[in-house]
Amino acid sequence: MEQETIALIHRHRRAGKSPQKIADFLNAQGVATKRGGTWHHSTVRKVLGRSA
């Protein structure tokens, strides 16, 4: 599941979505972070930076 979420984040970023829009989408879909929290633009940016 975690890898799927990372791939989804990258797909949305390649499509031109901002980190905030990606976070909003993940939260609206009920996707929790690895620690069970909600997504923030900074969390999305960390994922993008880590796996770039």
Protein backbone atom coordinates (compact mmCIF):
# COMPACT_ATOMS: atom_id res chain seq x y z
CA MET A 1 0.00 0.00 0.00
CA GLU A 2 2.78 2.44 0.85
CA GLN A 3 4.45 1.93 -2.54
CA GLU A 4 1.10 2.46 -4.26
CA THR A 5 0.65 5.76 -2.44
CA ILE A 6 4.15 6.90 -3.40
CA ALA A 7 3.49 6.01 -7.03
CA LEU A 8 0.17 7.88 -6.90
CA ILE A 9 1.89 10.98 -5.50
CA HIS A 10 4.43 10.89 -8.33
CA ARG A 11 1.72 10.43 -10.98
CA HIS A 12 -0.19 13.43 -9.68
CA ARG A 13 3.00 15.53 -9.55
CA ARG A 14 3.91 14.61 -13.13
CA ALA A 15 0.38 15.66 -14.09
CA GLY A 16 1.20 19.12 -12.73
CA LYS A 17 -0.61 19.03 -9.40
CA SER A 18 0.86 20.99 -6.50
CA PRO A 19 1.86 19.27 -3.25
CA GLN A 20 -1.16 20.90 -1.57
CA LYS A 21 -3.57 19.59 -4.22
CA ILE A 22 -2.06 16.11 -3.89
CA ALA A 23 -2.43 16.25 -0.09
CA ASP A 24 -6.04 17.39 -0.44
CA PHE A 25 -6.75 14.52 -2.85
CA LEU A 26 -5.18 11.88 -0.59
CA ASN A 27 -7.10 13.15 2.43
CA ALA A 28 -10.38 13.22 0.47
CA GLN A 29 -9.78 9.61 -0.58
CA GLY A 30 -9.17 8.58 3.04
CA VAL A 31 -5.53 7.64 2.46
CA ALA A 32 -3.63 7.91 5.73
CA THR A 33 0.08 8.63 6.03
CA LYS A 34 2.46 5.88 7.08
CA ARG A 35 1.88 6.89 10.71
CA GLY A 36 -1.88 7.07 10.32
CA GLY A 37 -2.18 10.83 10.04
CA THR A 38 -3.49 13.24 7.46
CA TRP A 39 -1.50 14.55 4.52
CA HIS A 40 -0.04 18.05 4.37
CA HIS A 41 1.85 19.72 1.53
CA SER A 42 5.08 19.33 3.50
CA THR A 43 4.52 15.58 3.88
CA VAL A 44 3.96 15.23 0.13
CA ARG A 45 7.13 17.24 -0.54
CA LYS A 46 9.13 14.95 1.76
CA VAL A 47 7.88 11.90 -0.15
CA LEU A 48 8.77 13.52 -3.47
CA GLY A 49 12.22 14.50 -2.23
CA ARG A 50 12.95 11.11 -0.70
CA SER A 51 12.10 9.08 -3.75
CA ALA A 52 13.34 11.46 -6.45
